[in-house]
Amino acid sequence: MPEAPELTIVREVLERRVVGAAVESARIIRPTVLRTLSEIDVAADIEGRSFTNVSRYGKSVTLTLSDGMALVIFPMLTGRLRLASPKDRLTKTVSLSLSLSNGIDLRYLDDRQMGMLYYAPTDRFTEIPRLEETGPDVLDEPLSLEDFTARLRRFTGEIKGILTRGSLVAGIGNAYSDEIVWEAGISPFRRRADLSADEIARLHAAVYAVPRRAVVMLRELIGDDIHIERREWLSVHGKANQQCPRCGGRISRLSANRRITDYCMTCQPGLLIRN
């Protein structure tokens, strides 16, 4: 799942490569990912419009088009954007392909059709589910420790689930939540109510430090290949049964509900909560 760091790179690349270009033609190959707020022929309506801005909020990217329309993209688990040559074949994962006036094809890929693309008027964004249901962005100005602690008190349950829910801060998913709680030295299964003031302070620091470091790393690794996931450099996520880089212990993995959690039982002591 692309999270705030990856989608920040996507925003930066698209700002450079597609803003100012017009959509010359549109192909909707898999319409199941496409959403609208009213009856509209998306392929016909989007043709001729130019991209005027690209923004990111949480785990979504918004491509604003001329004359008050936009594509709001929630990649979810398997969605990706790709810049391609018109000569590149359309793979079976391509759901939408836009041919642009600058000779680039902008494609949305999603092999499991889990993502959502909203084509909507910019003055109706409040009607888009998910867009208004998240907290302050994790890459915006950090909350003070006091404000972060106050927001955290609203939530119950395991700390990893609170981080990925998006209401505390927006933009953290499965991978970076593993990295954040590892850096903070907190078990992903600890209940929020059981965290000490010192642990909350460590969590607050990690929530903002980890994604910012990731953006710097990903700028070097990804380049313009925004459809490629690069996470081999992470400390614990995706590293099951490898050595913990901090203590040398074995990294454990728990799989549940199509989600993996990688953590170090030595560095992050705590019991798994059983429902």
Protein backbone atom coordinates (compact mmCIF):
# COMPACT_ATOMS: atom_id res chain seq x y z
CA MET A 1 0.00 0.00 0.00
CA PRO A 2 1.46 3.39 -0.94
CA GLU A 3 1.60 5.54 2.19
CA ALA A 4 2.38 9.22 2.77
CA PRO A 5 6.11 8.96 1.91
CA GLU A 6 5.55 7.12 -1.39
CA LEU A 7 2.63 9.34 -2.36
CA THR A 8 4.71 12.43 -1.63
CA ILE A 9 7.16 11.25 -4.30
CA VAL A 10 4.23 10.56 -6.63
CA ARG A 11 3.00 14.11 -6.10
CA GLU A 12 6.44 15.60 -6.74
CA VAL A 13 6.95 13.60 -9.94
CA LEU A 14 3.48 14.31 -11.31
CA GLU A 15 3.86 18.02 -10.57
CA ARG A 16 6.95 17.99 -12.73
CA ARG A 17 5.75 15.68 -15.48
CA VAL A 18 2.01 16.20 -16.02
CA VAL A 19 0.97 19.66 -14.75
CA GLY A 20 0.25 21.80 -17.81
CA ALA A 21 -0.42 18.80 -20.07
CA ALA A 22 -3.88 18.16 -21.51
CA VAL A 23 -5.70 14.85 -21.74
CA GLU A 24 -5.95 13.96 -25.43
CA SER A 25 -7.69 10.63 -24.96
CA ALA A 26 -8.84 8.39 -22.14
CA ARG A 27 -9.25 4.63 -21.98
CA ILE A 28 -11.18 3.08 -19.11
CA ILE A 29 -10.20 -0.58 -19.15
CA ARG A 30 -11.53 -1.63 -15.74
CA PRO A 31 -14.38 0.67 -14.71
CA THR A 32 -14.86 -1.05 -11.33
CA VAL A 33 -12.26 1.26 -9.72
CA LEU A 34 -13.87 4.44 -11.05
CA ARG A 35 -16.36 6.42 -8.99
CA THR A 36 -18.41 9.54 -9.79
CA LEU A 37 -20.81 11.69 -7.79
CA SER A 38 -23.31 11.93 -10.65
CA GLU A 39 -24.03 10.33 -14.01
CA ILE A 40 -21.22 11.36 -16.34
CA ASP A 41 -19.23 9.91 -19.24
CA VAL A 42 -15.79 10.17 -17.68
CA ALA A 43 -13.78 9.36 -20.80
CA ALA A 44 -15.59 12.00 -22.85
CA ASP A 45 -15.64 14.63 -20.10
CA ILE A 46 -11.96 14.41 -19.16
CA GLU A 47 -10.68 14.75 -22.73
CA GLY A 48 -9.41 18.25 -23.43
CA ARG A 49 -8.95 19.16 -19.78
CA SER A 50 -5.47 20.11 -18.55
CA PHE A 51 -3.82 19.16 -15.28
CA THR A 52 -3.41 22.28 -13.16
CA ASN A 53 -2.26 20.95 -9.79
CA VAL A 54 -1.29 17.81 -7.87
CA SER A 55 -1.73 17.47 -4.12
CA ARG A 56 -1.58 14.75 -1.51
CA TYR A 57 -3.45 14.27 1.72
CA GLY A 58 -3.04 11.18 3.85
CA LYS A 59 -3.06 8.16 1.56
CA SER A 60 -4.73 9.92 -1.38
CA VAL A 61 -3.51 11.94 -4.36
CA THR A 62 -5.63 14.60 -6.08
CA LEU A 63 -4.97 15.63 -9.68
CA THR A 64 -6.85 18.87 -10.31
CA LEU A 65 -8.01 19.49 -13.86
CA SER A 66 -9.12 22.64 -15.64
CA ASP A 67 -12.69 23.89 -15.38
CA GLY A 68 -13.33 22.59 -11.88
CA MET A 69 -12.85 18.83 -12.10
CA ALA A 70 -10.38 16.49 -10.43
CA LEU A 71 -9.28 12.88 -10.08
CA VAL A 72 -9.01 11.88 -6.42
CA ILE A 73 -7.10 8.62 -6.13
CA PHE A 74 -7.08 6.24 -3.18
CA PRO A 75 -4.60 3.51 -4.21
CA MET A 76 -5.43 1.32 -1.20
CA LEU A 77 -3.47 -1.95 -1.06
CA THR A 78 -2.55 -2.59 -4.69
CA GLY A 79 -3.11 0.61 -6.68
CA ARG A 80 -0.23 2.40 -8.42
CA LEU A 81 0.21 5.30 -10.84
CA ARG A 82 2.67 4.92 -13.69
CA LEU A 83 4.15 7.24 -16.30
CA ALA A 84 4.49 5.26 -19.51
CA SER A 85 5.31 5.67 -23.17
CA PRO A 86 2.31 5.37 -25.49
CA LYS A 87 4.19 2.48 -27.10
CA ASP A 88 4.25 0.48 -23.86
CA ARG A 89 1.68 -2.29 -23.97
CA LEU A 90 -1.30 -2.13 -21.68
CA THR A 91 -0.75 -4.83 -19.09
CA LYS A 92 -3.66 -6.66 -17.50
CA THR A 93 -3.27 -4.56 -14.34
CA VAL A 94 -4.06 -1.26 -16.10
CA SER A 95 -7.47 0.14 -15.13
CA LEU A 96 -7.25 3.63 -16.63
CA SER A 97 -4.92 5.16 -19.22
CA LEU A 98 -4.76 8.85 -20.08
CA SER A 99 -2.81 9.93 -23.16
CA LEU A 100 -1.39 13.41 -22.59
CA SER A 101 -0.43 16.22 -24.93
CA ASN A 102 3.22 16.04 -23.82
CA GLY A 103 3.63 12.49 -25.15
CA ILE A 104 3.20 10.70 -21.81
CA ASP A 105 0.61 8.16 -20.84
CA LEU A 106 -0.56 8.40 -17.22
CA ARG A 107 -1.85 5.00 -16.13
CA TYR A 108 -3.52 3.66 -13.03
CA LEU A 109 -2.61 0.05 -12.27
CA ASP A 110 -4.42 -2.16 -9.78
CA ASP A 111 -4.15 -5.92 -10.08
CA ARG A 112 -6.72 -6.60 -7.34
CA GLN A 113 -9.09 -3.70 -8.07
CA MET A 114 -8.98 -2.51 -4.46
CA GLY A 115 -8.31 1.17 -5.12
CA MET A 116 -10.80 3.93 -5.88
CA LEU A 117 -10.61 6.80 -8.39
CA TYR A 118 -13.16 9.56 -7.92
CA TYR A 119 -13.81 11.85 -10.89
CA ALA A 120 -15.59 14.75 -9.26
CA PRO A 121 -16.12 18.51 -9.24
CA THR A 122 -13.67 20.28 -6.94
CA ASP A 123 -16.53 21.99 -5.09
CA ARG A 124 -17.98 18.61 -4.07
CA PHE A 125 -14.96 17.09 -2.34
CA THR A 126 -16.82 16.93 0.96
CA GLU A 127 -19.03 14.26 -0.62
CA ILE A 128 -16.11 11.92 -1.28
CA PRO A 129 -15.94 9.19 1.38
CA ARG A 130 -12.59 8.90 3.21
CA LEU A 131 -11.36 12.35 2.17
CA GLU A 132 -12.92 14.11 5.13
CA GLU A 133 -12.50 11.27 7.63
CA THR A 134 -8.82 11.62 8.50
CA GLY A 135 -6.69 13.55 10.96
CA PRO A 136 -3.87 16.05 10.34
CA ASP A 137 -1.38 14.86 7.75
CA VAL A 138 1.70 13.15 9.15
CA LEU A 139 4.02 15.18 6.91
CA ASP A 140 2.50 18.55 7.80
CA GLU A 141 3.72 20.63 10.74
CA PRO A 142 3.96 18.16 13.65
CA LEU A 143 1.49 18.36 16.48
CA SER A 144 2.99 19.35 19.81
CA LEU A 145 3.47 16.48 22.25
CA GLU A 146 0.62 17.93 24.32
CA ASP A 147 -1.79 18.05 21.37
CA PHE A 148 -0.69 14.62 20.15
CA THR A 149 -1.29 13.13 23.59
CA ALA A 150 -4.73 14.74 23.79
CA ARG A 151 -5.72 13.33 20.39
CA LEU A 152 -4.34 9.92 21.28
CA ARG A 153 -6.58 9.70 24.36
CA ARG A 154 -9.64 9.56 22.09
CA PHE A 155 -8.73 6.11 20.86
CA THR A 156 -8.78 2.62 22.31
CA GLY A 157 -7.24 -0.68 21.27
CA GLU A 158 -3.85 -1.65 19.89
CA ILE A 159 -1.47 1.15 19.04
CA LYS A 160 -0.71 -0.13 15.53
CA GLY A 161 -4.39 -0.13 14.65
CA ILE A 162 -4.74 3.42 15.94
CA LEU A 163 -1.87 4.57 13.72
CA THR A 164 -3.21 2.94 10.56
CA ARG A 165 -6.79 4.10 11.09
CA GLY A 166 -5.86 7.62 9.95
CA SER A 167 -7.85 9.58 12.51
CA LEU A 168 -4.92 10.29 14.83
CA VAL A 169 -2.71 11.38 11.94
CA ALA A 170 -3.25 10.73 8.24
CA GLY A 171 -0.92 8.90 5.88
CA ILE A 172 0.39 5.98 7.95
CA GLY A 173 -0.34 2.45 6.77
CA ASN A 174 0.81 -1.04 7.51
CA ALA A 175 4.49 -0.68 6.64
CA TYR A 176 5.33 2.60 8.33
CA SER A 177 3.29 1.78 11.42
CA ASP A 178 5.62 -1.21 11.90
CA GLU A 179 8.62 1.08 11.50
CA ILE A 180 7.21 3.72 13.86
CA VAL A 181 6.43 1.41 16.76
CA TRP A 182 9.78 -0.36 16.31
CA GLU A 183 11.65 2.95 16.46
CA ALA A 184 9.65 3.90 19.56
CA GLY A 185 10.41 0.52 21.17
CA ILE A 186 6.71 -0.24 21.66
CA SER A 187 4.93 -3.48 20.88
CA PRO A 188 2.41 -3.01 18.05
CA PHE A 189 -0.08 -4.88 20.26
CA ARG A 190 0.14 -2.58 23.26
CA ARG A 191 -3.12 -0.94 24.23
CA ARG A 192 -3.18 2.84 24.07
CA ALA A 193 -4.40 3.06 27.67
CA ASP A 194 -1.35 1.14 28.88
CA LEU A 195 1.25 3.50 27.38
CA SER A 196 3.32 5.54 29.80
CA ALA A 197 4.07 9.22 29.30
CA ASP A 198 7.61 8.31 28.21
CA GLU A 199 6.32 5.81 25.65
CA ILE A 200 3.88 8.37 24.25
CA ALA A 201 6.74 10.85 23.90
CA ARG A 202 8.80 8.25 22.00
CA LEU A 203 5.81 7.41 19.82
CA HIS A 204 5.23 11.10 19.07
CA ALA A 205 8.85 11.53 17.98
CA ALA A 206 8.80 8.40 15.80
CA VAL A 207 5.47 9.24 14.12
CA TYR A 208 7.03 12.34 12.59
CA ALA A 209 10.66 11.23 12.19
CA VAL A 210 10.12 7.95 10.34
CA PRO A 211 7.99 9.25 7.41
CA ARG A 212 10.28 12.26 6.92
CA ARG A 213 13.35 10.06 6.65
CA ALA A 214 11.45 7.84 4.26
CA VAL A 215 10.73 10.72 1.87
CA VAL A 216 14.44 11.56 1.67
CA MET A 217 15.34 7.92 0.99
CA LEU A 218 12.60 7.39 -1.58
CA ARG A 219 13.55 10.46 -3.59
CA GLU A 220 16.87 8.72 -4.27
CA LEU A 221 15.46 5.24 -4.85
CA ILE A 222 12.34 5.81 -6.94
CA GLY A 223 13.16 8.58 -9.39
CA ASP A 224 10.28 8.78 -11.89
CA ASP A 225 9.41 5.08 -11.49
CA ILE A 226 6.50 5.90 -9.20
CA HIS A 227 4.80 2.54 -9.81
CA ILE A 228 7.63 0.59 -8.16
CA GLU A 229 7.58 -0.14 -4.45
CA ARG A 230 10.98 0.25 -2.75
CA ARG A 231 10.95 -0.88 0.87
CA GLU A 232 13.98 -3.11 1.11
CA TRP A 233 15.70 -0.43 3.21
CA LEU A 234 13.13 -0.52 6.04
CA SER A 235 14.27 -1.72 9.46
CA VAL A 236 11.65 -4.36 10.31
CA HIS A 237 8.72 -4.35 7.89
CA GLY A 238 9.18 -7.10 5.34
CA LYS A 239 12.12 -8.53 7.31
CA ALA A 240 10.51 -11.51 9.04
CA ASN A 241 13.06 -13.97 10.47
CA GLN A 242 15.94 -11.59 9.83
CA GLN A 243 18.07 -9.96 12.52
CA CYS A 244 16.76 -6.90 14.27
CA PRO A 245 19.14 -4.06 13.34
CA ARG A 246 18.99 -2.71 16.90
CA CYS A 247 19.37 -5.73 19.17
CA GLY A 248 20.26 -8.62 16.86
CA GLY A 249 17.17 -10.63 17.83
CA ARG A 250 14.89 -12.35 15.35
CA ILE A 251 12.14 -10.30 13.73
CA SER A 252 8.75 -11.95 14.21
CA ARG A 253 5.73 -11.84 11.92
CA LEU A 254 2.02 -12.05 12.61
CA SER A 255 -0.43 -12.32 9.72
CA ALA A 256 -4.09 -11.51 10.27
CA ASN A 257 -6.90 -10.01 8.17
CA ARG A 258 -4.70 -9.73 5.05
CA ARG A 259 -2.21 -7.64 7.01
CA ILE A 260 1.25 -8.54 8.24
CA THR A 261 2.90 -7.12 11.33
CA ASP A 262 6.68 -7.41 11.62
CA TYR A 263 8.28 -6.59 14.97
CA CYS A 264 11.07 -7.53 17.35
CA MET A 265 9.85 -9.32 20.49
CA THR A 266 13.07 -8.33 22.29
CA CYS A 267 13.03 -4.61 21.48
CA GLN A 268 9.24 -4.35 21.59
CA PRO A 269 8.06 -6.47 24.52
CA GLY A 270 4.35 -6.97 25.03
CA LEU A 271 1.59 -9.52 24.75
CA LEU A 272 -0.68 -10.04 21.77
CA ILE A 273 -4.25 -8.98 22.55
CA ARG A 274 -6.74 -11.75 21.93
CA ASN A 275 -10.28 -10.73 21.09
